[in-house]
C-alpha atoms as a PDB file:
ATOM      1  CA  UNK A   1     -16.051  35.598  17.355  1.00  0.00           C
ATOM      2  CA  UNK A   2     -16.902  33.438  20.629  1.00  0.00           C
ATOM      3  CA  UNK A   3     -13.630  31.429  21.673  1.00  0.00           C
ATOM      4  CA  UNK A   4     -14.324  28.247  20.469  1.00  0.00           C
ATOM      5  CA  UNK A   5     -16.828  28.778  17.348  1.00  0.00           C
ATOM      6  CA  UNK A   6     -15.547  29.731  13.772  1.00  0.00           C
ATOM      7  CA  UNK A   7     -19.031  31.353  12.848  1.00  0.00           C
ATOM      8  CA  UNK A   8     -21.631  32.578  15.461  1.00  0.00           C
ATOM      9  CA  UNK A   9     -24.251  29.586  14.310  1.00  0.00           C
ATOM     10  CA  UNK A  10     -26.318  26.989  16.422  1.00  0.00           C
ATOM     11  CA  UNK A  11     -24.601  23.480  16.861  1.00  0.00           C
ATOM     12  CA  UNK A  12     -27.869  21.962  17.567  1.00  0.00           C
ATOM     13  CA  UNK A  13     -29.719  20.654  14.901  1.00  0.00           C
ATOM     14  CA  UNK A  14     -26.738  21.158  12.044  1.00  0.00           C
ATOM     15  CA  UNK A  15     -26.883  17.364  10.611  1.00  0.00           C
ATOM     16  CA  UNK A  16     -30.307  17.377  10.358  1.00  0.00           C
ATOM     17  CA  UNK A  17     -30.209  20.340   8.444  1.00  0.00           C
ATOM     18  CA  UNK A  18     -27.904  19.301   6.164  1.00  0.00           C
ATOM     19  CA  UNK A  19     -28.453  18.065   2.497  1.00  0.00           C
ATOM     20  CA  UNK A  20     -28.873  14.289   2.323  1.00  0.00           C
ATOM     21  CA  UNK A  21     -27.042  12.566  -1.081  1.00  0.00           C
ATOM     22  CA  UNK A  22     -28.110   9.989  -2.856  1.00  0.00           C
ATOM     23  CA  UNK A  23     -26.803   6.346  -2.594  1.00  0.00           C
ATOM     24  CA  UNK A  24     -25.661   5.308  -6.266  1.00  0.00           C
ATOM     25  CA  UNK A  25     -26.736   2.745  -8.541  1.00  0.00           C
ATOM     26  CA  UNK A  26     -24.415  -0.135  -8.980  1.00  0.00           C
ATOM     27  CA  UNK A  27     -22.540   1.311 -11.682  1.00  0.00           C
ATOM     28  CA  UNK A  28     -19.464   2.765 -12.827  1.00  0.00           C
ATOM     29  CA  UNK A  29     -18.866   5.973 -11.853  1.00  0.00           C
ATOM     30  CA  UNK A  30     -16.738   9.024 -13.129  1.00  0.00           C
ATOM     31  CA  UNK A  31     -13.356   9.166 -12.758  1.00  0.00           C
ATOM     32  CA  UNK A  32     -12.108  13.004 -12.226  1.00  0.00           C
ATOM     33  CA  UNK A  33      -8.254  13.953 -11.524  1.00  0.00           C
ATOM     34  CA  UNK A  34      -7.159  14.415  -8.208  1.00  0.00           C
ATOM     35  CA  UNK A  35      -6.501  17.783  -6.761  1.00  0.00           C
ATOM     36  CA  UNK A  36      -3.212  18.859  -5.114  1.00  0.00           C
ATOM     37  CA  UNK A  37      -3.982  21.419  -1.791  1.00  0.00           C
ATOM     38  CA  UNK A  38      -3.499  24.179  -3.957  1.00  0.00           C
ATOM     39  CA  UNK A  39      -6.238  22.879  -5.779  1.00  0.00           C
ATOM     40  CA  UNK A  40      -4.032  22.234  -9.551  1.00  0.00           C
ATOM     41  CA  UNK A  41      -5.107  19.391 -11.006  1.00  0.00           C
ATOM     42  CA  UNK A  42      -2.260  16.194 -10.360  1.00  0.00           C
ATOM     43  CA  UNK A  43      -1.774  12.768 -12.199  1.00  0.00           C
ATOM     44  CA  UNK A  44      -2.621   9.752 -10.284  1.00  0.00           C
ATOM     45  CA  UNK A  45      -1.677   6.236  -9.939  1.00  0.00           C
ATOM     46  CA  UNK A  46      -4.399   3.292 -10.713  1.00  0.00           C
ATOM     47  CA  UNK A  47      -6.423   3.389  -7.727  1.00  0.00           C
ATOM     48  CA  UNK A  48      -6.799  -0.096  -7.778  1.00  0.00           C
ATOM     49  CA  UNK A  49      -3.524  -1.145  -8.027  1.00  0.00           C
ATOM     50  CA  UNK A  50      -2.071  -3.798  -4.914  1.00  0.00           C
ATOM     51  CA  UNK A  51      -0.049  -1.120  -3.865  1.00  0.00           C
ATOM     52  CA  UNK A  52      -3.238   1.793  -3.808  1.00  0.00           C
ATOM     53  CA  UNK A  53      -5.131  -0.671  -2.389  1.00  0.00           C
ATOM     54  CA  UNK A  54      -3.230  -2.024   0.385  1.00  0.00           C
ATOM     55  CA  UNK A  55      -2.997   1.917   1.210  1.00  0.00           C
ATOM     56  CA  UNK A  56      -6.363   3.006   1.299  1.00  0.00           C
ATOM     57  CA  UNK A  57      -7.067   2.261   4.993  1.00  0.00           C
ATOM     58  CA  UNK A  58      -5.642   3.772   7.689  1.00  0.00           C
ATOM     59  CA  UNK A  59      -4.570   1.652  10.470  1.00  0.00           C
ATOM     60  CA  UNK A  60      -7.678   1.036  13.043  1.00  0.00           C
ATOM     61  CA  UNK A  61      -6.958   2.637  16.351  1.00  0.00           C
ATOM     62  CA  UNK A  62      -6.366   0.092  18.832  1.00  0.00           C
ATOM     63  CA  UNK A  63      -9.276   1.186  21.080  1.00  0.00           C
ATOM     64  CA  UNK A  64     -11.867   0.810  18.181  1.00  0.00           C
ATOM     65  CA  UNK A  65     -14.960  -0.659  19.402  1.00  0.00           C
ATOM     66  CA  UNK A  66     -16.905  -3.887  17.826  1.00  0.00           C
ATOM     67  CA  UNK A  67     -19.828  -1.951  16.961  1.00  0.00           C
ATOM     68  CA  UNK A  68     -18.041  -0.983  13.896  1.00  0.00           C
ATOM     69  CA  UNK A  69     -17.642  -4.088  11.343  1.00  0.00           C
ATOM     70  CA  UNK A  70     -14.880  -3.351   8.856  1.00  0.00           C
ATOM     71  CA  UNK A  71     -17.283  -2.620   6.326  1.00  0.00           C
ATOM     72  CA  UNK A  72     -18.217   0.177   8.462  1.00  0.00           C
ATOM     73  CA  UNK A  73     -15.100   1.188  10.099  1.00  0.00           C
ATOM     74  CA  UNK A  74     -13.903   1.873   6.177  1.00  0.00           C
ATOM     75  CA  UNK A  75     -16.248   4.742   6.251  1.00  0.00           C
ATOM     76  CA  UNK A  76     -14.135   6.814   9.015  1.00  0.00           C
ATOM     77  CA  UNK A  77     -10.423   5.106   8.108  1.00  0.00           C
ATOM     78  CA  UNK A  78     -10.628   5.020   4.001  1.00  0.00           C
ATOM     79  CA  UNK A  79      -8.170   8.081   2.752  1.00  0.00           C
ATOM     80  CA  UNK A  80     -10.078   7.302  -0.611  1.00  0.00           C
ATOM     81  CA  UNK A  81     -13.572   7.399  -0.476  1.00  0.00           C
ATOM     82  CA  UNK A  82     -13.806   7.283  -3.991  1.00  0.00           C
ATOM     83  CA  UNK A  83     -12.762   3.583  -3.874  1.00  0.00           C
ATOM     84  CA  UNK A  84     -14.579   2.465  -0.554  1.00  0.00           C
ATOM     85  CA  UNK A  85     -17.710   3.747  -2.257  1.00  0.00           C
ATOM     86  CA  UNK A  86     -16.796   0.744  -5.686  1.00  0.00           C
ATOM     87  CA  UNK A  87     -16.726  -1.612  -2.733  1.00  0.00           C
ATOM     88  CA  UNK A  88     -19.948  -0.488  -1.254  1.00  0.00           C
ATOM     89  CA  UNK A  89     -21.284  -0.801  -4.618  1.00  0.00           C
ATOM     90  CA  UNK A  90     -20.497  -4.537  -5.351  1.00  0.00           C
ATOM     91  CA  UNK A  91     -21.936  -5.437  -2.095  1.00  0.00           C
ATOM     92  CA  UNK A  92     -25.135  -3.053  -2.161  1.00  0.00           C
ATOM     93  CA  UNK A  93     -26.140  -4.153  -6.016  1.00  0.00           C
ATOM     94  CA  UNK A  94     -25.642  -8.158  -4.253  1.00  0.00           C
ATOM     95  CA  UNK A  95     -28.618  -6.788  -1.602  1.00  0.00           C
ATOM     96  CA  UNK A  96     -26.189  -6.149   1.270  1.00  0.00           C
ATOM     97  CA  UNK A  97     -28.568  -3.291   3.398  1.00  0.00           C
ATOM     98  CA  UNK A  98     -25.332  -1.666   5.481  1.00  0.00           C
ATOM     99  CA  UNK A  99     -23.271  -1.159   2.278  1.00  0.00           C
ATOM    100  CA  UNK A 100     -26.627   0.791   1.172  1.00  0.00           C
ATOM    101  CA  UNK A 101     -26.585   3.003   3.791  1.00  0.00           C
ATOM    102  CA  UNK A 102     -22.707   3.339   4.391  1.00  0.00           C
ATOM    103  CA  UNK A 103     -22.826   4.240   0.793  1.00  0.00           C
ATOM    104  CA  UNK A 104     -25.033   6.984   1.228  1.00  0.00           C
ATOM    105  CA  UNK A 105     -22.680   8.243   4.140  1.00  0.00           C
ATOM    106  CA  UNK A 106     -19.925   8.413   1.524  1.00  0.00           C
ATOM    107  CA  UNK A 107     -22.106  10.820  -0.879  1.00  0.00           C
ATOM    108  CA  UNK A 108     -23.627  13.024   1.520  1.00  0.00           C
ATOM    109  CA  UNK A 109     -19.958  13.549   3.323  1.00  0.00           C
ATOM    110  CA  UNK A 110     -18.574  14.230   0.010  1.00  0.00           C
ATOM    111  CA  UNK A 111     -21.415  16.127  -1.742  1.00  0.00           C
ATOM    112  CA  UNK A 112     -20.353  19.991  -1.387  1.00  0.00           C
ATOM    113  CA  UNK A 113     -16.858  19.029  -2.875  1.00  0.00           C
ATOM    114  CA  UNK A 114     -18.556  16.952  -5.647  1.00  0.00           C
ATOM    115  CA  UNK A 115     -20.789  19.597  -6.850  1.00  0.00           C
ATOM    116  CA  UNK A 116     -17.822  21.980  -8.041  1.00  0.00           C
ATOM    117  CA  UNK A 117     -13.948  20.324  -6.824  1.00  0.00           C
ATOM    118  CA  UNK A 118     -12.516  23.546  -8.309  1.00  0.00           C
ATOM    119  CA  UNK A 119     -14.882  26.202  -7.020  1.00  0.00           C
ATOM    120  CA  UNK A 120     -14.087  23.945  -3.585  1.00  0.00           C
ATOM    121  CA  UNK A 121     -10.257  24.338  -3.626  1.00  0.00           C
ATOM    122  CA  UNK A 122     -10.976  28.172  -5.241  1.00  0.00           C
ATOM    123  CA  UNK A 123     -12.987  28.422  -1.815  1.00  0.00           C
ATOM    124  CA  UNK A 124     -10.165  26.913   0.492  1.00  0.00           C
ATOM    125  CA  UNK A 125      -7.196  28.797  -1.220  1.00  0.00           C
ATOM    126  CA  UNK A 126      -9.702  32.245  -0.279  1.00  0.00           C
ATOM    127  CA  UNK A 127     -10.094  31.661   3.133  1.00  0.00           C
ATOM    128  CA  UNK A 128      -6.000  30.327   3.518  1.00  0.00           C
ATOM    129  CA  UNK A 129      -5.347  33.751   2.053  1.00  0.00           C
ATOM    130  CA  UNK A 130      -7.018  35.883   4.714  1.00  0.00           C
ATOM    131  CA  UNK A 131      -4.537  34.588   7.247  1.00  0.00           C
ATOM    132  CA  UNK A 132      -7.187  34.570  10.382  1.00  0.00           C
ATOM    133  CA  UNK A 133      -5.935  32.491  13.226  1.00  0.00           C
ATOM    134  CA  UNK A 134      -9.720  31.244  13.182  1.00  0.00           C
ATOM    135  CA  UNK A 135      -9.613  29.760  10.053  1.00  0.00           C
ATOM    136  CA  UNK A 136      -6.983  27.166  10.553  1.00  0.00           C
ATOM    137  CA  UNK A 137      -9.898  24.328  11.833  1.00  0.00           C
ATOM    138  CA  UNK A 138     -11.466  24.905   8.769  1.00  0.00           C
ATOM    139  CA  UNK A 139      -8.604  24.827   6.731  1.00  0.00           C
ATOM    140  CA  UNK A 140      -7.850  21.318   8.219  1.00  0.00           C
ATOM    141  CA  UNK A 141     -11.302  20.075   7.848  1.00  0.00           C
ATOM    142  CA  UNK A 142     -11.391  21.506   4.355  1.00  0.00           C
ATOM    143  CA  UNK A 143      -8.323  19.950   3.210  1.00  0.00           C
ATOM    144  CA  UNK A 144      -9.200  16.525   4.647  1.00  0.00           C
ATOM    145  CA  UNK A 145     -12.427  16.307   3.068  1.00  0.00           C
ATOM    146  CA  UNK A 146     -10.580  16.912  -0.637  1.00  0.00           C
ATOM    147  CA  UNK A 147      -8.103  14.681  -0.087  1.00  0.00           C
ATOM    148  CA  UNK A 148     -11.149  11.869   1.008  1.00  0.00           C
ATOM    149  CA  UNK A 149     -13.159  12.941  -1.664  1.00  0.00           C
ATOM    150  CA  UNK A 150     -11.099  14.282  -4.359  1.00  0.00           C
ATOM    151  CA  UNK A 151     -12.515  11.868  -7.182  1.00  0.00           C
ATOM    152  CA  UNK A 152     -15.957  12.169  -7.458  1.00  0.00           C
ATOM    153  CA  UNK A 153     -17.297  15.035  -9.613  1.00  0.00           C
ATOM    154  CA  UNK A 154     -20.558  16.803 -10.365  1.00  0.00           C
ATOM    155  CA  UNK A 155     -21.874  14.339 -13.113  1.00  0.00           C
ATOM    156  CA  UNK A 156     -21.985  11.591  -9.852  1.00  0.00           C
ATOM    157  CA  UNK A 157     -25.450  13.300  -9.249  1.00  0.00           C
ATOM    158  CA  UNK A 158     -25.863  13.474  -5.641  1.00  0.00           C
ATOM    159  CA  UNK A 159     -29.507  14.545  -5.152  1.00  0.00           C
ATOM    160  CA  UNK A 160     -32.131  14.696  -2.441  1.00  0.00           C
ATOM    161  CA  UNK A 161     -34.656  12.487  -4.415  1.00  0.00           C
ATOM    162  CA  UNK A 162     -32.464   9.848  -5.268  1.00  0.00           C
ATOM    163  CA  UNK A 163     -31.137   9.291  -1.606  1.00  0.00           C
ATOM    164  CA  UNK A 164     -34.963   9.076  -0.244  1.00  0.00           C
ATOM    165  CA  UNK A 165     -35.521   6.595  -2.782  1.00  0.00           C
ATOM    166  CA  UNK A 166     -32.308   4.537  -1.732  1.00  0.00           C
ATOM    167  CA  UNK A 167     -32.724   4.756   1.732  1.00  0.00           C
ATOM    168  CA  UNK A 168     -36.044   3.179   1.587  1.00  0.00           C
ATOM    169  CA  UNK A 169     -34.250   0.581  -0.531  1.00  0.00           C
ATOM    170  CA  UNK A 170     -32.003   0.300   2.354  1.00  0.00           C
ATOM    171  CA  UNK A 171     -34.354   0.383   4.980  1.00  0.00           C
ATOM    172  CA  UNK A 172     -36.815  -2.748   3.460  1.00  0.00           C
ATOM    173  CA  UNK A 173     -33.003  -4.677   3.418  1.00  0.00           C
ATOM    174  CA  UNK A 174     -33.179  -4.539   6.643  1.00  0.00           C
ATOM    175  CA  UNK A 175     -31.189  -1.495   7.315  1.00  0.00           C
ATOM    176  CA  UNK A 176     -32.054   0.018  10.624  1.00  0.00           C
ATOM    177  CA  UNK A 177     -29.777   3.229  10.589  1.00  0.00           C
ATOM    178  CA  UNK A 178     -31.679   4.028   7.251  1.00  0.00           C
ATOM    179  CA  UNK A 179     -35.171   2.984   8.431  1.00  0.00           C
ATOM    180  CA  UNK A 180     -34.114   6.311  11.035  1.00  0.00           C
ATOM    181  CA  UNK A 181     -32.803   8.366   8.849  1.00  0.00           C
ATOM    182  CA  UNK A 182     -36.209   8.303   7.017  1.00  0.00           C
ATOM    183  CA  UNK A 183     -38.137   9.256   9.817  1.00  0.00           C
ATOM    184  CA  UNK A 184     -35.460  12.038  11.070  1.00  0.00           C
ATOM    185  CA  UNK A 185     -35.971  13.042   6.920  1.00  0.00           C
ATOM    186  CA  UNK A 186     -39.848  13.068   7.644  1.00  0.00           C
ATOM    187  CA  UNK A 187     -40.073  10.367   5.006  1.00  0.00           C
ATOM    188  CA  UNK A 188     -41.213   7.481   7.429  1.00  0.00           C
ATOM    189  CA  UNK A 189     -41.256   4.072   5.600  1.00  0.00           C
ATOM    190  CA  UNK A 190     -44.717   3.524   7.547  1.00  0.00           C
ATOM    191  CA  UNK A 191     -47.214   5.964   8.693  1.00  0.00           C
ATOM    192  CA  UNK A 192     -48.375   6.480  12.326  1.00  0.00           C
ATOM    193  CA  UNK A 193     -47.624   6.558  15.923  1.00  0.00           C
ATOM    194  CA  UNK A 194     -47.669   3.177  15.972  1.00  0.00           C
ATOM    195  CA  UNK A 195     -44.964   2.379  13.674  1.00  0.00           C
ATOM    196  CA  UNK A 196     -42.866   5.165  14.964  1.00  0.00           C
ATOM    197  CA  UNK A 197     -43.033   4.276  18.522  1.00  0.00           C
ATOM    198  CA  UNK A 198     -41.813   0.930  17.525  1.00  0.00           C
ATOM    199  CA  UNK A 199     -39.056   2.199  15.279  1.00  0.00           C
ATOM    200  CA  UNK A 200     -37.559   4.235  18.637  1.00  0.00           C
ATOM    201  CA  UNK A 201     -37.718   1.021  20.632  1.00  0.00           C
ATOM    202  CA  UNK A 202     -35.881  -0.673  17.703  1.00  0.00           C
ATOM    203  CA  UNK A 203     -33.020   1.876  17.608  1.00  0.00           C
ATOM    204  CA  UNK A 204     -32.358   1.549  21.507  1.00  0.00           C
ATOM    205  CA  UNK A 205     -32.435  -1.999  21.665  1.00  0.00           C
ATOM    206  CA  UNK A 206     -29.913  -2.118  18.549  1.00  0.00           C
ATOM    207  CA  UNK A 207     -27.497  -0.356  20.307  1.00  0.00           C
ATOM    208  CA  UNK A 208     -26.732   0.784  16.599  1.00  0.00           C
ATOM    209  CA  UNK A 209     -24.255   3.919  17.217  1.00  0.00           C
ATOM    210  CA  UNK A 210     -25.160   5.072  13.241  1.00  0.00           C
ATOM    211  CA  UNK A 211     -29.764   3.825  13.670  1.00  0.00           C
ATOM    212  CA  UNK A 212     -28.733   6.487  17.045  1.00  0.00           C
ATOM    213  CA  UNK A 213     -27.281   8.691  14.785  1.00  0.00           C
ATOM    214  CA  UNK A 214     -29.532   9.011  12.309  1.00  0.00           C
ATOM    215  CA  UNK A 215     -32.472   9.281  14.334  1.00  0.00           C
ATOM    216  CA  UNK A 216     -30.955  12.180  16.616  1.00  0.00           C
ATOM    217  CA  UNK A 217     -32.496  14.878  14.223  1.00  0.00           C
ATOM    218  CA  UNK A 218     -36.096  13.098  14.615  1.00  0.00           C
ATOM    219  CA  UNK A 219     -35.855  13.756  18.562  1.00  0.00           C
ATOM    220  CA  UNK A 220     -34.992  17.292  18.267  1.00  0.00           C
ATOM    221  CA  UNK A 221     -37.610  20.102  18.151  1.00  0.00           C
ATOM    222  CA  UNK A 222     -39.312  18.760  15.042  1.00  0.00           C
ATOM    223  CA  UNK A 223     -40.080  16.433  17.432  1.00  0.00           C
ATOM    224  CA  UNK A 224     -41.790  18.693  20.324  1.00  0.00           C
ATOM    225  CA  UNK A 225     -44.971  17.629  21.534  1.00  0.00           C
ATOM    226  CA  UNK A 226     -44.960  13.839  20.598  1.00  0.00           C
ATOM    227  CA  UNK A 227     -43.167  12.441  23.776  1.00  0.00           C
ATOM    228  CA  UNK A 228     -45.462   9.701  24.045  1.00  0.00           C
ATOM    229  CA  UNK A 229     -44.766   8.636  20.519  1.00  0.00           C
ATOM    230  CA  UNK A 230     -40.996   9.192  20.674  1.00  0.00           C
ATOM    231  CA  UNK A 231     -39.667   9.067  24.227  1.00  0.00           C
ATOM    232  CA  UNK A 232     -38.770  11.036  27.237  1.00  0.00           C
ATOM    233  CA  UNK A 233     -35.667  12.055  25.348  1.00  0.00           C
ATOM    234  CA  UNK A 234     -37.182  13.825  22.506  1.00  0.00           C
ATOM    235  CA  UNK A 235     -38.341  17.321  21.235  1.00  0.00           C
ATOM    236  CA  UNK A 236     -35.936  19.850  22.457  1.00  0.00           C
ATOM    237  CA  UNK A 237     -32.562  20.970  21.011  1.00  0.00           C
ATOM    238  CA  UNK A 238     -30.701  18.998  24.387  1.00  0.00           C
ATOM    239  CA  UNK A 239     -32.716  15.682  23.604  1.00  0.00           C
ATOM    240  CA  UNK A 240     -31.165  15.950  20.058  1.00  0.00           C
ATOM    241  CA  UNK A 241     -27.577  16.578  21.055  1.00  0.00           C
ATOM    242  CA  UNK A 242     -28.374  13.715  23.798  1.00  0.00           C
ATOM    243  CA  UNK A 243     -29.112  10.988  20.931  1.00  0.00           C
ATOM    244  CA  UNK A 244     -25.896  12.180  19.252  1.00  0.00           C
ATOM    245  CA  UNK A 245     -23.441  11.953  22.414  1.00  0.00           C
ATOM    246  CA  UNK A 246     -25.395   8.458  23.084  1.00  0.00           C
ATOM    247  CA  UNK A 247     -24.285   7.162  19.511  1.00  0.00           C
ATOM    248  CA  UNK A 248     -20.879   8.009  20.381  1.00  0.00           C
ATOM    249  CA  UNK A 249     -20.584   5.929  23.515  1.00  0.00           C
ATOM    250  CA  UNK A 250     -21.640   3.533  21.337  1.00  0.00           C
ATOM    251  CA  UNK A 251     -18.927   3.678  18.997  1.00  0.00           C
ATOM    252  CA  UNK A 252     -19.585   6.322  16.904  1.00  0.00           C
ATOM    253  CA  UNK A 253     -16.585   7.911  15.328  1.00  0.00           C
ATOM    254  CA  UNK A 254     -16.477  11.366  17.009  1.00  0.00           C
ATOM    255  CA  UNK A 255     -13.280  12.467  17.210  1.00  0.00           C
ATOM    256  CA  UNK A 256     -11.691  15.630  16.300  1.00  0.00           C
ATOM    257  CA  UNK A 257     -10.681  14.702  12.702  1.00  0.00           C
ATOM    258  CA  UNK A 258     -13.668  12.065  12.177  1.00  0.00           C
ATOM    259  CA  UNK A 259     -16.315  12.725   9.397  1.00  0.00           C
ATOM    260  CA  UNK A 260     -19.095  13.971  11.823  1.00  0.00           C
ATOM    261  CA  UNK A 261     -16.569  16.688  13.190  1.00  0.00           C
ATOM    262  CA  UNK A 262     -15.637  17.503   9.581  1.00  0.00           C
ATOM    263  CA  UNK A 263     -18.975  18.182   8.441  1.00  0.00           C
ATOM    264  CA  UNK A 264     -19.846  20.573  11.331  1.00  0.00           C
ATOM    265  CA  UNK A 265     -16.935  22.251  10.479  1.00  0.00           C
ATOM    266  CA  UNK A 266     -16.654  22.707   6.416  1.00  0.00           C
ATOM    267  CA  UNK A 267     -20.678  22.771   5.771  1.00  0.00           C
ATOM    268  CA  UNK A 268     -22.218  24.261   8.505  1.00  0.00           C
ATOM    269  CA  UNK A 269     -19.129  26.815   9.710  1.00  0.00           C
ATOM    270  CA  UNK A 270     -18.951  25.357  13.277  1.00  0.00           C
ATOM    271  CA  UNK A 271     -15.679  24.265  14.202  1.00  0.00           C
ATOM    272  CA  UNK A 272     -13.317  23.727  17.222  1.00  0.00           C
ATOM    273  CA  UNK A 273     -10.256  26.072  17.667  1.00  0.00           C
ATOM    274  CA  UNK A 274      -9.137  23.114  20.042  1.00  0.00           C
ATOM    275  CA  UNK A 275      -7.639  20.315  17.803  1.00  0.00           C
ATOM    276  CA  UNK A 276      -7.896  17.979  21.444  1.00  0.00           C
ATOM    277  CA  UNK A 277     -11.661  17.863  21.126  1.00  0.00           C
ATOM    278  CA  UNK A 278     -14.242  15.124  19.878  1.00  0.00           C
ATOM    279  CA  UNK A 279     -17.809  15.596  19.318  1.00  0.00           C
ATOM    280  CA  UNK A 280     -19.038  15.137  23.070  1.00  0.00           C
ATOM    281  CA  UNK A 281     -16.779  17.891  24.382  1.00  0.00           C
ATOM    282  CA  UNK A 282     -17.146  19.988  21.718  1.00  0.00           C
ATOM    283  CA  UNK A 283     -20.845  19.995  22.286  1.00  0.00           C
ATOM    284  CA  UNK A 284     -21.449  20.515  25.723  1.00  0.00           C
ATOM    285  CA  UNK A 285     -18.766  23.530  25.238  1.00  0.00           C
ATOM    286  CA  UNK A 286     -20.395  25.191  22.497  1.00  0.00           C
ATOM    287  CA  UNK A 287     -24.119  23.692  22.521  1.00  0.00           C
ATOM    288  CA  UNK A 288     -25.466  23.075  25.712  1.00  0.00           C
ATOM    289  CA  UNK A 289     -26.403  25.838  28.090  1.00  0.00           C
ATOM    290  CA  UNK A 290     -24.414  25.702  31.733  1.00  0.00           C
ATOM    291  CA  UNK A 291     -27.446  24.842  33.446  1.00  0.00           C
ATOM    292  CA  UNK A 292     -28.347  22.000  30.449  1.00  0.00           C
ATOM    293  CA  UNK A 293     -25.410  19.843  30.853  1.00  0.00           C
ATOM    294  CA  UNK A 294     -26.862  18.013  33.955  1.00  0.00           C
ATOM    295  CA  UNK A 295     -29.922  16.987  31.467  1.00  0.00           C
ATOM    296  CA  UNK A 296     -28.081  16.147  28.890  1.00  0.00           C
ATOM    297  CA  UNK A 297     -26.111  13.884  31.472  1.00  0.00           C
ATOM    298  CA  UNK A 298     -29.444  12.086  32.416  1.00  0.00           C
ATOM    299  CA  UNK A 299     -30.816  11.899  28.842  1.00  0.00           C
ATOM    300  CA  UNK A 300     -28.515   9.937  27.710  1.00  0.00           C
ATOM    301  CA  UNK A 301     -28.120   7.966  30.706  1.00  0.00           C
ATOM    302  CA  UNK A 302     -31.401   7.479  29.706  1.00  0.00           C
ATOM    303  CA  UNK A 303     -30.814   6.523  26.497  1.00  0.00           C
ATOM    304  CA  UNK A 304     -27.820   3.969  27.586  1.00  0.00           C
ATOM    305  CA  UNK A 305     -30.083   2.391  29.939  1.00  0.00           C
ATOM    306  CA  UNK A 306     -32.770   1.405  26.765  1.00  0.00           C
ATOM    307  CA  UNK A 307     -35.924   2.110  28.132  1.00  0.00           C
ATOM    308  CA  UNK A 308     -37.940   1.847  25.658  1.00  0.00           C
ATOM    309  CA  UNK A 309     -40.918   4.354  24.871  1.00  0.00           C
ATOM    310  CA  UNK A 310     -43.502   5.161  26.558  1.00  0.00           C
ATOM    311  CA  UNK A 311     -46.514   2.933  25.753  1.00  0.00           C
END
């Protein structure tokens, strides 16, 4: 096995290939018993008791950037994404576009676990039983996700058609990140090159890390041949990585234990064995050819300079 990868899979384009999961309607979610690390069901206290609510969020790091509002930081900081999703549903029902977008991220993150909690726990135990030194990163990521997603169940019905519909609603309500994600899913809110060109400009001008990350898959090889519409940082695997790194620099949580690195490891089998590596370091180490590193740096600089898109 390669030194830095748990499985020999390509880093680039992974998140764009992962299943996009739905936003929930503002109705009750089914409660499911939490699972211990060994997969056994355990009783859980009322999740909305004062003590539980106060413990729901981890302390925000001192270097958290202002680009992430408290509501957005909750996506990374919450240790109970089920309870966090209840807050988001209330806000989404009141028309909060960012809450609609964040709710879709929660369900995308938890979809694999929610589809089969028992099977997920069984797979985790099987990985642990192999005793592979390279499996420790995968185990840590799977346990981290299981803890955060423990109360979601199959009946929550996370599906691709639902997320497309709900993200269209979020985009129409004003979520730029949702609008960017629809372009990446090849379900743009509007047709035509003029719209695509304008959307890329708006993402660049926004300096919104969520929007940068959401549009990144559209800037990979899927955008090949569209540089006159999508801009000079588009059309290749390296350009997609550059958009993700730019999102990190704008304040996206790209830390070793963040949702991005967890998704790569759990859903794609791409895990760094160096627990100190954030996404930027990992991508440069595992996904960027040595001769392409300077190109990626130049692309990131171009994106952060906000040059817009060629007219």
